[in-house]
């Protein structure tokens, strides 16, 4: 059986190779974004609609599962820190369920298939309730797990994803690149822009004036791509609490990468993103993946 150290080394090598591929695609997209989108655009593609709807949900599924494991470890603390730890873990769990539900029912997710759910409070509540049992599953599995490094592993994983997400949101709010599907509508002053061009014509009133949601001006970088690419590191994390998955981290990472590649392609087909948008997100997250694995390797004792 391959050791954890060997798996980590191979995952780092995979990340570096993937970064090179995404960097190459990013360069191609920089010079050919519009032509590629013109060729691939198919707004009625059912498979891509479903893929967009599912998009970021595996990320929240795994994180909620792991937050349940944190809740179990917090309850096992034999000191005065037990109550604060329990409250923190409980708030984290509920927050992830709520945020996951909000994302799932927001623009460019479930509304791709069912437009009426966008911003629907009942839909959010139902989604949150569907996600919540994953925390109980994580709690139950962690109770059977003797890994003393489990909490540290989960914290490093969540901190990596949070940092990547914050970076994504900062860039999105700064650039305001119009999506392909709004560019081709021919609105005055809203034309194709390269990823490195900041849309200075954006204002808070513009989306309402055009009758579109404000996320139509959040093309660069791709949030769906970034969130789906987290599967590259979150799926292998399932082996931390499901012992039957130990030694299969490489396979899980490969499945996560393949899934994210499908999501990226579907975003271009749907006209939600250009090639440079999705490839940039992929390249950046590969950098985060390498950093994450190096930190994990240093801060967590390797299992013998």
Protein backbone atom coordinates (compact mmCIF):
# COMPACT_ATOMS: atom_id res chain seq x y z
CA UNK A 1 0.00 0.00 0.00
CA UNK A 2 1.30 3.44 -0.85
CA UNK A 3 2.27 5.55 2.14
CA UNK A 4 0.59 8.85 2.89
CA UNK A 5 3.84 10.65 2.08
CA UNK A 6 4.03 9.04 -1.37
CA UNK A 7 0.42 9.97 -2.09
CA UNK A 8 1.06 13.56 -1.05
CA UNK A 9 4.12 13.75 -3.30
CA UNK A 10 2.17 12.44 -6.27
CA UNK A 11 -0.71 14.81 -5.63
CA UNK A 12 1.72 17.73 -5.57
CA UNK A 13 3.20 16.56 -8.87
CA UNK A 14 -0.32 16.24 -10.30
CA UNK A 15 -1.14 19.77 -9.11
CA UNK A 16 1.97 21.19 -10.76
CA UNK A 17 1.18 19.44 -14.05
CA UNK A 18 -2.44 20.64 -13.89
CA UNK A 19 -1.25 24.18 -13.20
CA UNK A 20 0.84 24.09 -16.38
CA UNK A 21 -2.18 22.88 -18.38
CA UNK A 22 -4.43 25.60 -16.97
CA UNK A 23 -1.76 28.23 -17.54
CA UNK A 24 -1.55 27.16 -21.18
CA UNK A 25 -5.35 27.30 -21.54
CA UNK A 26 -5.35 30.71 -19.89
CA UNK A 27 -2.94 32.02 -22.52
CA UNK A 28 -5.05 30.49 -25.29
CA UNK A 29 -8.18 32.06 -23.81
CA UNK A 30 -6.56 35.46 -23.47
CA UNK A 31 -6.21 35.64 -27.24
CA UNK A 32 -9.26 33.61 -28.30
CA UNK A 33 -11.96 33.96 -25.63
CA UNK A 34 -14.68 35.34 -27.86
CA UNK A 35 -14.06 32.93 -30.73
CA UNK A 36 -14.10 29.91 -28.39
CA UNK A 37 -17.34 31.01 -26.74
CA UNK A 38 -18.93 31.71 -30.14
CA UNK A 39 -18.14 28.12 -31.13
CA UNK A 40 -19.22 26.35 -27.93
CA UNK A 41 -22.19 28.44 -26.81
CA UNK A 42 -25.33 26.31 -26.43
CA UNK A 43 -27.71 27.85 -23.87
CA UNK A 44 -30.25 25.03 -24.05
CA UNK A 45 -27.81 22.19 -23.38
CA UNK A 46 -29.61 20.17 -20.69
CA UNK A 47 -26.51 18.33 -19.43
CA UNK A 48 -24.69 21.61 -18.88
CA UNK A 49 -27.72 23.06 -17.09
CA UNK A 50 -27.76 20.14 -14.66
CA UNK A 51 -23.99 20.33 -14.19
CA UNK A 52 -24.26 24.04 -13.40
CA UNK A 53 -27.01 23.32 -10.88
CA UNK A 54 -24.93 20.70 -9.07
CA UNK A 55 -21.69 22.71 -9.50
CA UNK A 56 -20.47 23.73 -6.04
CA UNK A 57 -22.59 21.36 -3.94
CA UNK A 58 -19.99 18.56 -3.49
CA UNK A 59 -17.82 21.15 -1.74
CA UNK A 60 -20.50 21.98 0.80
CA UNK A 61 -21.41 18.33 1.22
CA UNK A 62 -17.87 17.40 2.27
CA UNK A 63 -17.36 20.51 4.41
CA UNK A 64 -20.60 19.91 6.33
CA UNK A 65 -19.60 16.28 6.83
CA UNK A 66 -16.25 17.41 8.25
CA UNK A 67 -17.87 20.08 10.40
CA UNK A 68 -19.87 17.27 12.01
CA UNK A 69 -16.56 15.56 12.79
CA UNK A 70 -15.34 18.80 14.40
CA UNK A 71 -18.51 18.89 16.50
CA UNK A 72 -17.80 15.38 17.77
CA UNK A 73 -14.20 16.24 18.66
CA UNK A 74 -15.35 19.42 20.42
CA UNK A 75 -17.76 17.40 22.55
CA UNK A 76 -14.94 15.06 23.56
CA UNK A 77 -12.80 17.85 25.05
CA UNK A 78 -12.29 17.36 28.78
CA UNK A 79 -11.67 20.96 29.84
CA UNK A 80 -13.23 24.40 30.12
CA UNK A 81 -12.69 24.86 26.40
CA UNK A 82 -15.37 22.30 25.64
CA UNK A 83 -18.35 24.70 25.57
CA UNK A 84 -16.70 27.38 23.37
CA UNK A 85 -15.47 24.64 21.03
CA UNK A 86 -18.94 23.11 20.82
CA UNK A 87 -20.56 26.48 20.10
CA UNK A 88 -17.95 27.28 17.43
CA UNK A 89 -18.40 23.90 15.73
CA UNK A 90 -22.20 24.15 15.87
CA UNK A 91 -22.19 27.67 14.41
CA UNK A 92 -19.79 26.52 11.68
CA UNK A 93 -22.03 23.57 10.81
CA UNK A 94 -25.22 25.63 10.64
CA UNK A 95 -23.39 28.39 8.76
CA UNK A 96 -22.17 25.97 6.11
CA UNK A 97 -25.67 24.52 5.71
CA UNK A 98 -27.12 28.02 5.35
CA UNK A 99 -24.43 29.30 3.00
CA UNK A 100 -24.58 26.12 0.91
CA UNK A 101 -28.35 26.51 0.61
CA UNK A 102 -27.95 30.17 -0.38
CA UNK A 103 -25.41 29.31 -3.08
CA UNK A 104 -27.52 26.43 -4.38
CA UNK A 105 -30.59 28.64 -4.77
CA UNK A 106 -28.74 31.69 -6.10
CA UNK A 107 -28.05 32.74 -9.67
CA UNK A 108 -26.38 30.19 -11.98
CA UNK A 109 -27.07 27.13 -9.81
CA UNK A 110 -30.40 25.39 -9.27
CA UNK A 111 -32.17 28.25 -11.07
CA UNK A 112 -30.53 27.00 -14.28
CA UNK A 113 -33.05 24.14 -14.12
CA UNK A 114 -35.79 25.67 -11.93
CA UNK A 115 -35.73 29.49 -12.34
CA UNK A 116 -38.38 30.01 -9.64
CA UNK A 117 -36.06 28.92 -6.81
CA UNK A 118 -33.68 31.88 -7.20
CA UNK A 119 -33.64 33.69 -3.86
CA UNK A 120 -36.55 31.60 -2.56
CA UNK A 121 -36.44 31.40 1.25
CA UNK A 122 -38.48 28.13 1.39
CA UNK A 123 -36.08 26.57 -1.13
CA UNK A 124 -33.12 27.68 1.00
CA UNK A 125 -34.65 26.21 4.17
CA UNK A 126 -35.42 22.89 2.47
CA UNK A 127 -31.89 22.71 1.00
CA UNK A 128 -30.33 23.48 4.39
CA UNK A 129 -32.41 20.74 6.03
CA UNK A 130 -31.34 18.28 3.33
CA UNK A 131 -27.68 19.14 3.94
CA UNK A 132 -27.83 19.00 7.74
CA UNK A 133 -27.91 15.16 8.08
CA UNK A 134 -24.41 15.10 6.57
CA UNK A 135 -23.17 16.74 9.78
CA UNK A 136 -24.72 13.95 11.83
CA UNK A 137 -23.03 11.40 9.57
CA UNK A 138 -19.69 13.14 10.06
CA UNK A 139 -20.27 13.19 13.83
CA UNK A 140 -21.04 9.47 13.86
CA UNK A 141 -18.02 8.50 11.74
CA UNK A 142 -15.63 10.70 13.75
CA UNK A 143 -16.82 8.97 16.92
CA UNK A 144 -15.37 5.73 15.56
CA UNK A 145 -12.16 7.42 14.40
CA UNK A 146 -9.02 7.50 16.58
CA UNK A 147 -7.05 9.89 14.36
CA UNK A 148 -5.51 12.44 16.75
CA UNK A 149 -4.72 14.75 13.83
CA UNK A 150 -8.26 14.89 12.45
CA UNK A 151 -9.10 18.37 13.78
CA UNK A 152 -5.83 19.81 12.50
CA UNK A 153 -6.37 18.30 9.06
CA UNK A 154 -9.88 19.74 8.80
CA UNK A 155 -8.80 23.21 9.93
CA UNK A 156 -6.01 23.35 7.33
CA UNK A 157 -8.44 22.24 4.60
CA UNK A 158 -11.12 24.76 5.53
CA UNK A 159 -8.61 27.61 5.90
CA UNK A 160 -7.24 26.88 2.42
CA UNK A 161 -10.68 26.92 0.82
CA UNK A 162 -11.73 30.07 2.69
CA UNK A 163 -8.60 31.92 1.58
CA UNK A 164 -9.14 30.90 -2.05
CA UNK A 165 -12.79 31.98 -1.86
CA UNK A 166 -11.94 35.40 -0.42
CA UNK A 167 -9.37 35.96 -3.19
CA UNK A 168 -11.98 34.97 -5.78
CA UNK A 169 -14.57 37.41 -4.44
CA UNK A 170 -12.08 40.28 -4.25
CA UNK A 171 -11.05 39.83 -7.89
CA UNK A 172 -14.67 39.43 -9.06
CA UNK A 173 -15.80 42.64 -7.37
CA UNK A 174 -12.81 44.51 -8.79
CA UNK A 175 -12.98 43.44 -12.45
CA UNK A 176 -16.77 43.23 -13.12
CA UNK A 177 -16.25 41.45 -16.45
CA UNK A 178 -19.54 40.94 -18.39
CA UNK A 179 -20.43 37.32 -19.11
CA UNK A 180 -20.53 36.11 -22.72
CA UNK A 181 -24.30 35.60 -22.63
CA UNK A 182 -24.91 39.26 -21.81
CA UNK A 183 -22.23 40.51 -24.19
CA UNK A 184 -24.04 38.98 -27.18
CA UNK A 185 -27.32 40.69 -26.23
CA UNK A 186 -25.94 43.91 -27.67
CA UNK A 187 -26.65 46.29 -24.81
CA UNK A 188 -25.15 49.72 -25.33
CA UNK A 189 -21.84 50.07 -23.47
CA UNK A 190 -21.69 46.34 -22.62
CA UNK A 191 -19.33 44.65 -25.04
CA UNK A 192 -16.61 42.02 -24.92
CA UNK A 193 -13.78 42.78 -22.54
CA UNK A 194 -10.53 40.94 -21.97
CA UNK A 195 -9.95 39.55 -18.49
CA UNK A 196 -7.32 42.19 -17.72
CA UNK A 197 -9.65 45.10 -18.57
CA UNK A 198 -11.63 46.50 -15.64
CA UNK A 199 -15.21 47.36 -16.58
CA UNK A 200 -15.33 51.01 -15.56
CA UNK A 201 -18.84 51.41 -16.95
CA UNK A 202 -20.34 49.26 -14.20
CA UNK A 203 -22.65 50.84 -11.62
CA UNK A 204 -25.07 49.48 -9.03
CA UNK A 205 -27.95 50.62 -11.20
CA UNK A 206 -26.75 48.98 -14.43
CA UNK A 207 -28.05 45.42 -13.80
CA UNK A 208 -31.51 46.74 -12.89
CA UNK A 209 -31.52 49.01 -15.92
CA UNK A 210 -30.76 46.05 -18.19
CA UNK A 211 -33.14 43.73 -16.35
CA UNK A 212 -30.46 41.22 -15.30
CA UNK A 213 -28.97 40.05 -11.99
CA UNK A 214 -25.75 41.73 -10.90
CA UNK A 215 -23.85 38.45 -11.13
CA UNK A 216 -24.01 38.82 -14.94
CA UNK A 217 -21.08 41.18 -14.41
CA UNK A 218 -18.99 38.65 -12.46
CA UNK A 219 -17.47 36.58 -15.23
CA UNK A 220 -13.83 36.78 -14.13
CA UNK A 221 -12.78 34.57 -12.46
CA UNK A 222 -15.17 31.61 -12.41
CA UNK A 223 -16.66 30.84 -9.01
CA UNK A 224 -18.18 27.54 -10.17
CA UNK A 225 -14.78 26.46 -11.43
CA UNK A 226 -13.02 27.37 -8.20
CA UNK A 227 -15.65 25.73 -6.00
CA UNK A 228 -15.78 22.56 -8.08
CA UNK A 229 -11.98 22.38 -8.22
CA UNK A 230 -11.94 22.14 -4.43
CA UNK A 231 -13.07 18.54 -4.98
CA UNK A 232 -9.43 17.85 -5.85
CA UNK A 233 -8.59 18.21 -2.16
CA UNK A 234 -11.95 17.70 -0.44
CA UNK A 235 -12.76 14.26 -1.88
CA UNK A 236 -9.44 12.78 -0.65
CA UNK A 237 -10.31 14.26 2.77
CA UNK A 238 -13.17 11.75 2.98
CA UNK A 239 -10.53 9.12 3.76
CA UNK A 240 -9.93 10.87 7.09
CA UNK A 241 -13.25 9.68 8.47
CA UNK A 242 -14.17 6.77 6.18
CA UNK A 243 -11.45 4.19 6.82
CA UNK A 244 -12.52 2.15 3.77
CA UNK A 245 -11.24 5.00 1.58
CA UNK A 246 -7.74 5.08 3.05
CA UNK A 247 -5.13 4.52 0.36
CA UNK A 248 -7.51 5.73 -2.34
CA UNK A 249 -6.68 9.43 -2.07
CA UNK A 250 -5.19 9.56 -5.57
CA UNK A 251 -8.29 8.04 -7.11
CA UNK A 252 -10.54 10.45 -5.18
CA UNK A 253 -8.42 13.44 -6.24
CA UNK A 254 -8.60 12.25 -9.86
CA UNK A 255 -12.40 11.98 -9.65
CA UNK A 256 -12.55 15.46 -8.16
CA UNK A 257 -10.39 16.88 -10.93
CA UNK A 258 -12.45 15.17 -13.65
CA UNK A 259 -15.67 16.51 -12.14
CA UNK A 260 -14.33 20.05 -12.00
CA UNK A 261 -13.18 19.82 -15.64
CA UNK A 262 -16.74 18.94 -16.67
CA UNK A 263 -18.10 21.88 -14.66
CA UNK A 264 -15.58 24.25 -16.28
CA UNK A 265 -16.53 23.12 -19.76
CA UNK A 266 -20.24 23.45 -18.99
CA UNK A 267 -19.75 27.04 -17.84
CA UNK A 268 -18.29 27.98 -21.22
CA UNK A 269 -21.06 26.15 -23.08
CA UNK A 270 -23.71 27.97 -21.03
CA UNK A 271 -22.14 31.33 -21.83
CA UNK A 272 -21.51 32.01 -18.14
CA UNK A 273 -17.73 32.21 -18.51
CA UNK A 274 -14.92 32.51 -21.01
CA UNK A 275 -12.03 30.07 -21.22
CA UNK A 276 -9.71 32.53 -19.47
CA UNK A 277 -12.19 32.76 -16.56
CA UNK A 278 -12.30 29.04 -15.86
CA UNK A 279 -8.62 28.34 -16.55
CA UNK A 280 -7.53 31.18 -14.26
CA UNK A 281 -9.60 29.70 -11.42
CA UNK A 282 -8.15 26.27 -12.10
CA UNK A 283 -4.56 27.52 -12.14
CA UNK A 284 -4.96 29.56 -8.97
CA UNK A 285 -6.54 26.68 -7.07
CA UNK A 286 -3.76 24.35 -8.13
CA UNK A 287 -1.34 26.76 -6.43
CA UNK A 288 -3.50 26.67 -3.31
CA UNK A 289 -3.59 22.86 -3.52
CA UNK A 290 0.20 22.62 -3.47
CA UNK A 291 0.45 25.04 -0.54
CA UNK A 292 -2.28 23.12 1.29
CA UNK A 293 -0.54 19.77 0.86
CA UNK A 294 2.83 21.16 1.94
CA UNK A 295 1.30 22.71 5.07
CA UNK A 296 -0.61 19.52 5.84
CA UNK A 297 2.56 17.50 5.45
CA UNK A 298 4.44 19.76 7.86
CA UNK A 299 1.82 20.30 10.52
CA UNK A 300 0.24 16.88 10.67
CA UNK A 301 2.10 13.78 11.75
CA UNK A 302 2.20 11.17 9.03
CA UNK A 303 0.38 7.93 9.84
CA UNK A 304 2.64 4.93 10.09
